[in-house]
Amino acid sequence: MLIGYARVSTGLQNLDLQKDALTKHGCAKIFHDKMSGAKRQRPGLDEALGYAREGDTIVVWRLDRLGRNMQDLIQIVNHLNESGIAFHSLQENLTMDKSNATGKLMFHLFAAFAEFERNLIEERSAAGRAAAKARGRLGGRPGKYGPRDIEMMKSLIKNGTPITDVAEKWGVSRTTIYRYLDSNEH
């Protein structure tokens, strides 16, 4: 039996392309996840692996849909091999089972490329954050309160109002009040 597995990284992305390709390839059952491939614990993947039996084939649209980390990819495919379950990636036209030395070699090459791509994304993201920080733009959500609010918070605290009462008045935690006070002392 052919068992499909599809994955997108976020809930905003669409699985239709992958599901259509898996269905067209003949997958009788398709499992899916909407989360990063860097995470090993994925409910849809766990279901697919638990559903597959000896003689079945797990099919993915592209190798990086199974995972972005080479170690995890190798571990998953080794588990499949030990269980007598084959693996097939449609885009790479890669089929791997215990008896296929070429498939094993190709799998390791594609796994290395998937991990390399993931590392490039991380490096580009870090470089982008560093460039933004150098220009004075910090990531994260903008502050909820402006300078006028912060001055009022400082005044209340200076006049003896407990931090807990100030936090309650503004509807935030004490930690948030401390963070506002600390960030505006510089």
Protein backbone atom coordinates (compact mmCIF):
# COMPACT_ATOMS: atom_id res chain seq x y z
CA MET A 1 0.00 0.00 0.00
CA LEU A 2 1.19 3.52 -0.78
CA ILE A 3 0.86 5.87 2.20
CA GLY A 4 1.32 9.59 1.62
CA TYR A 5 2.74 12.17 3.97
CA ALA A 6 2.45 15.91 3.27
CA ARG A 7 3.78 18.82 5.31
CA VAL A 8 3.84 22.60 5.18
CA SER A 9 5.73 24.78 7.65
CA THR A 10 2.88 27.04 8.74
CA GLY A 11 -0.88 26.98 9.03
CA LEU A 12 -1.04 29.73 6.40
CA GLN A 13 0.44 27.48 3.71
CA ASN A 14 -1.61 25.10 1.59
CA LEU A 15 -1.25 21.31 1.36
CA ASP A 16 -3.28 20.92 -1.87
CA LEU A 17 -0.32 20.63 -4.28
CA GLN A 18 1.26 17.85 -2.24
CA LYS A 19 -2.00 16.01 -1.57
CA ASP A 20 -2.95 16.14 -5.27
CA ALA A 21 0.45 14.71 -6.29
CA LEU A 22 0.25 11.97 -3.66
CA THR A 23 -3.28 11.04 -4.71
CA LYS A 24 -2.28 11.01 -8.39
CA HIS A 25 0.65 8.72 -7.50
CA GLY A 26 -1.83 6.25 -5.97
CA CYS A 27 -1.58 6.84 -2.23
CA ALA A 28 -4.52 5.13 -0.53
CA LYS A 29 -4.14 7.14 2.68
CA ILE A 30 -2.53 10.55 3.24
CA PHE A 31 -1.35 11.98 6.55
CA HIS A 32 -0.26 15.59 6.98
CA ASP A 33 1.20 18.21 9.32
CA LYS A 34 1.29 21.99 9.36
CA MET A 35 4.53 22.61 11.24
CA SER A 36 8.25 22.96 10.73
CA GLY A 37 10.16 19.97 9.41
CA ALA A 38 12.87 20.76 11.94
CA LYS A 39 10.58 19.43 14.66
CA ARG A 40 10.86 15.67 15.09
CA GLN A 41 7.58 15.28 16.94
CA ARG A 42 4.91 15.71 14.26
CA PRO A 43 1.51 14.08 14.87
CA GLY A 44 0.76 13.41 11.18
CA LEU A 45 4.15 11.81 10.58
CA ASP A 46 3.81 9.72 13.73
CA GLU A 47 0.38 8.54 12.52
CA ALA A 48 1.75 7.67 9.06
CA LEU A 49 4.65 5.72 10.56
CA GLY A 50 2.31 3.91 12.95
CA TYR A 51 -0.14 3.09 10.14
CA ALA A 52 2.45 1.67 7.71
CA ARG A 53 3.07 -2.08 7.70
CA GLU A 54 5.73 -4.32 6.19
CA GLY A 55 5.55 -4.13 2.40
CA ASP A 56 4.01 -0.63 2.39
CA THR A 57 5.71 2.46 0.95
CA ILE A 58 5.72 5.91 2.57
CA VAL A 59 5.52 8.53 -0.20
CA VAL A 60 6.36 12.24 0.12
CA TRP A 61 6.10 14.99 -2.47
CA ARG A 62 9.68 16.09 -1.83
CA LEU A 63 12.36 14.82 0.55
CA ASP A 64 12.41 18.00 2.65
CA ARG A 65 8.74 17.41 3.49
CA LEU A 66 9.84 14.44 5.61
CA GLY A 67 12.34 16.58 7.52
CA ARG A 68 15.07 19.19 7.29
CA ASN A 69 17.53 17.60 9.67
CA MET A 70 19.79 14.95 8.15
CA GLN A 71 20.03 12.98 11.36
CA ASP A 72 16.23 12.74 11.69
CA LEU A 73 15.78 11.86 8.01
CA ILE A 74 18.29 9.05 8.30
CA GLN A 75 16.70 7.84 11.53
CA ILE A 76 13.20 7.81 9.97
CA VAL A 77 14.30 5.98 6.83
CA ASN A 78 16.37 3.49 8.84
CA HIS A 79 13.28 2.81 10.97
CA LEU A 80 11.28 2.24 7.77
CA ASN A 81 13.93 -0.13 6.42
CA GLU A 82 14.04 -2.11 9.68
CA SER A 83 10.25 -2.43 9.51
CA GLY A 84 10.29 -3.58 5.89
CA ILE A 85 8.67 -0.35 4.70
CA ALA A 86 9.96 1.35 1.56
CA PHE A 87 10.27 5.11 1.06
CA HIS A 88 9.64 7.14 -2.09
CA SER A 89 10.06 10.86 -2.84
CA LEU A 90 8.17 12.05 -5.93
CA GLN A 91 10.17 15.16 -6.89
CA GLU A 92 13.55 13.50 -6.55
CA ASN A 93 12.18 10.26 -8.06
CA LEU A 94 13.97 8.48 -5.24
CA THR A 95 12.90 5.06 -4.01
CA MET A 96 14.71 3.49 -1.17
CA ASP A 97 14.39 0.07 0.32
CA LYS A 98 16.77 -2.42 1.94
CA SER A 99 17.92 -3.86 -1.37
CA ASN A 100 18.57 -0.60 -3.23
CA ALA A 101 22.17 0.64 -2.78
CA THR A 102 21.67 3.51 -5.24
CA GLY A 103 18.56 4.60 -3.37
CA LYS A 104 20.48 4.62 -0.09
CA LEU A 105 23.25 6.77 -1.59
CA MET A 106 20.76 9.20 -3.14
CA PHE A 107 18.85 9.45 0.11
CA HIS A 108 21.98 10.49 2.00
CA LEU A 109 22.83 13.08 -0.66
CA PHE A 110 19.34 14.58 -0.67
CA ALA A 111 19.22 14.55 3.13
CA ALA A 112 22.49 16.49 3.20
CA PHE A 113 21.06 19.03 0.73
CA ALA A 114 17.86 19.40 2.79
CA GLU A 115 19.91 20.10 5.94
CA PHE A 116 22.17 22.49 3.99
CA GLU A 117 19.09 24.39 2.78
CA ARG A 118 17.77 24.63 6.35
CA ASN A 119 21.14 25.99 7.54
CA LEU A 120 21.16 28.57 4.74
CA ILE A 121 17.70 29.77 5.78
CA GLU A 122 18.86 30.10 9.40
CA GLU A 123 21.99 32.01 8.35
CA ARG A 124 20.01 34.40 6.11
CA SER A 125 17.47 35.00 8.88
CA ALA A 126 20.21 35.73 11.42
CA ALA A 127 21.94 38.10 8.98
CA GLY A 128 18.64 39.90 8.34
CA ARG A 129 17.99 40.31 12.07
CA ALA A 130 21.53 41.62 12.61
CA ALA A 131 21.16 44.13 9.74
CA ALA A 132 17.82 45.32 11.12
CA LYS A 133 19.29 45.65 14.62
CA ALA A 134 22.23 47.68 13.23
CA ARG A 135 19.67 50.07 11.73
CA GLY A 136 17.92 50.41 15.09
CA ARG A 137 14.98 48.14 14.30
CA LEU A 138 14.42 45.54 16.94
CA GLY A 139 12.26 42.50 16.37
CA GLY A 140 9.21 41.64 18.35
CA ARG A 141 5.93 43.26 19.01
CA PRO A 142 5.77 47.05 19.45
CA GLY A 143 5.27 48.30 23.01
CA LYS A 144 1.69 48.68 24.16
CA TYR A 145 2.30 51.92 26.02
CA GLY A 146 3.98 55.15 25.00
CA PRO A 147 6.22 57.63 26.82
CA ARG A 148 3.27 59.38 28.50
CA ASP A 149 2.06 56.12 30.06
CA ILE A 150 5.55 55.20 31.19
CA GLU A 151 6.04 58.60 32.81
CA MET A 152 2.75 58.12 34.67
CA MET A 153 3.85 54.64 35.82
CA LYS A 154 7.16 56.06 37.08
CA SER A 155 5.36 58.89 38.88
CA LEU A 156 2.94 56.53 40.62
CA ILE A 157 5.75 54.23 41.74
CA LYS A 158 7.88 57.20 42.88
CA ASN A 159 4.93 58.41 44.98
CA GLY A 160 4.63 55.04 46.74
CA THR A 161 2.03 53.15 44.67
CA PRO A 162 2.92 49.44 44.77
CA ILE A 163 4.08 47.90 41.47
CA THR A 164 1.23 45.37 41.74
CA ASP A 165 -1.36 48.18 41.75
CA VAL A 166 0.30 49.95 38.82
CA ALA A 167 0.38 46.68 36.84
CA GLU A 168 -3.28 46.06 37.62
CA LYS A 169 -4.25 49.59 36.50
CA TRP A 170 -2.59 49.07 33.11
CA GLY A 171 -3.73 45.45 32.79
CA VAL A 172 -0.25 43.95 32.58
CA SER A 173 2.01 41.85 34.79
CA ARG A 174 4.51 43.28 37.25
CA THR A 175 7.28 41.93 35.03
CA THR A 176 5.97 44.04 32.17
CA ILE A 177 6.01 47.16 34.34
CA TYR A 178 9.62 46.43 35.35
CA ARG A 179 10.53 45.86 31.69
CA TYR A 180 9.00 49.22 30.71
CA LEU A 181 10.81 50.99 33.51
CA ASP A 182 14.16 49.31 32.71
CA SER A 183 13.94 49.94 28.95
CA ASN A 184 13.22 53.63 29.45
CA GLU A 185 15.99 54.38 31.94
CA HIS A 186 18.59 54.27 29.16
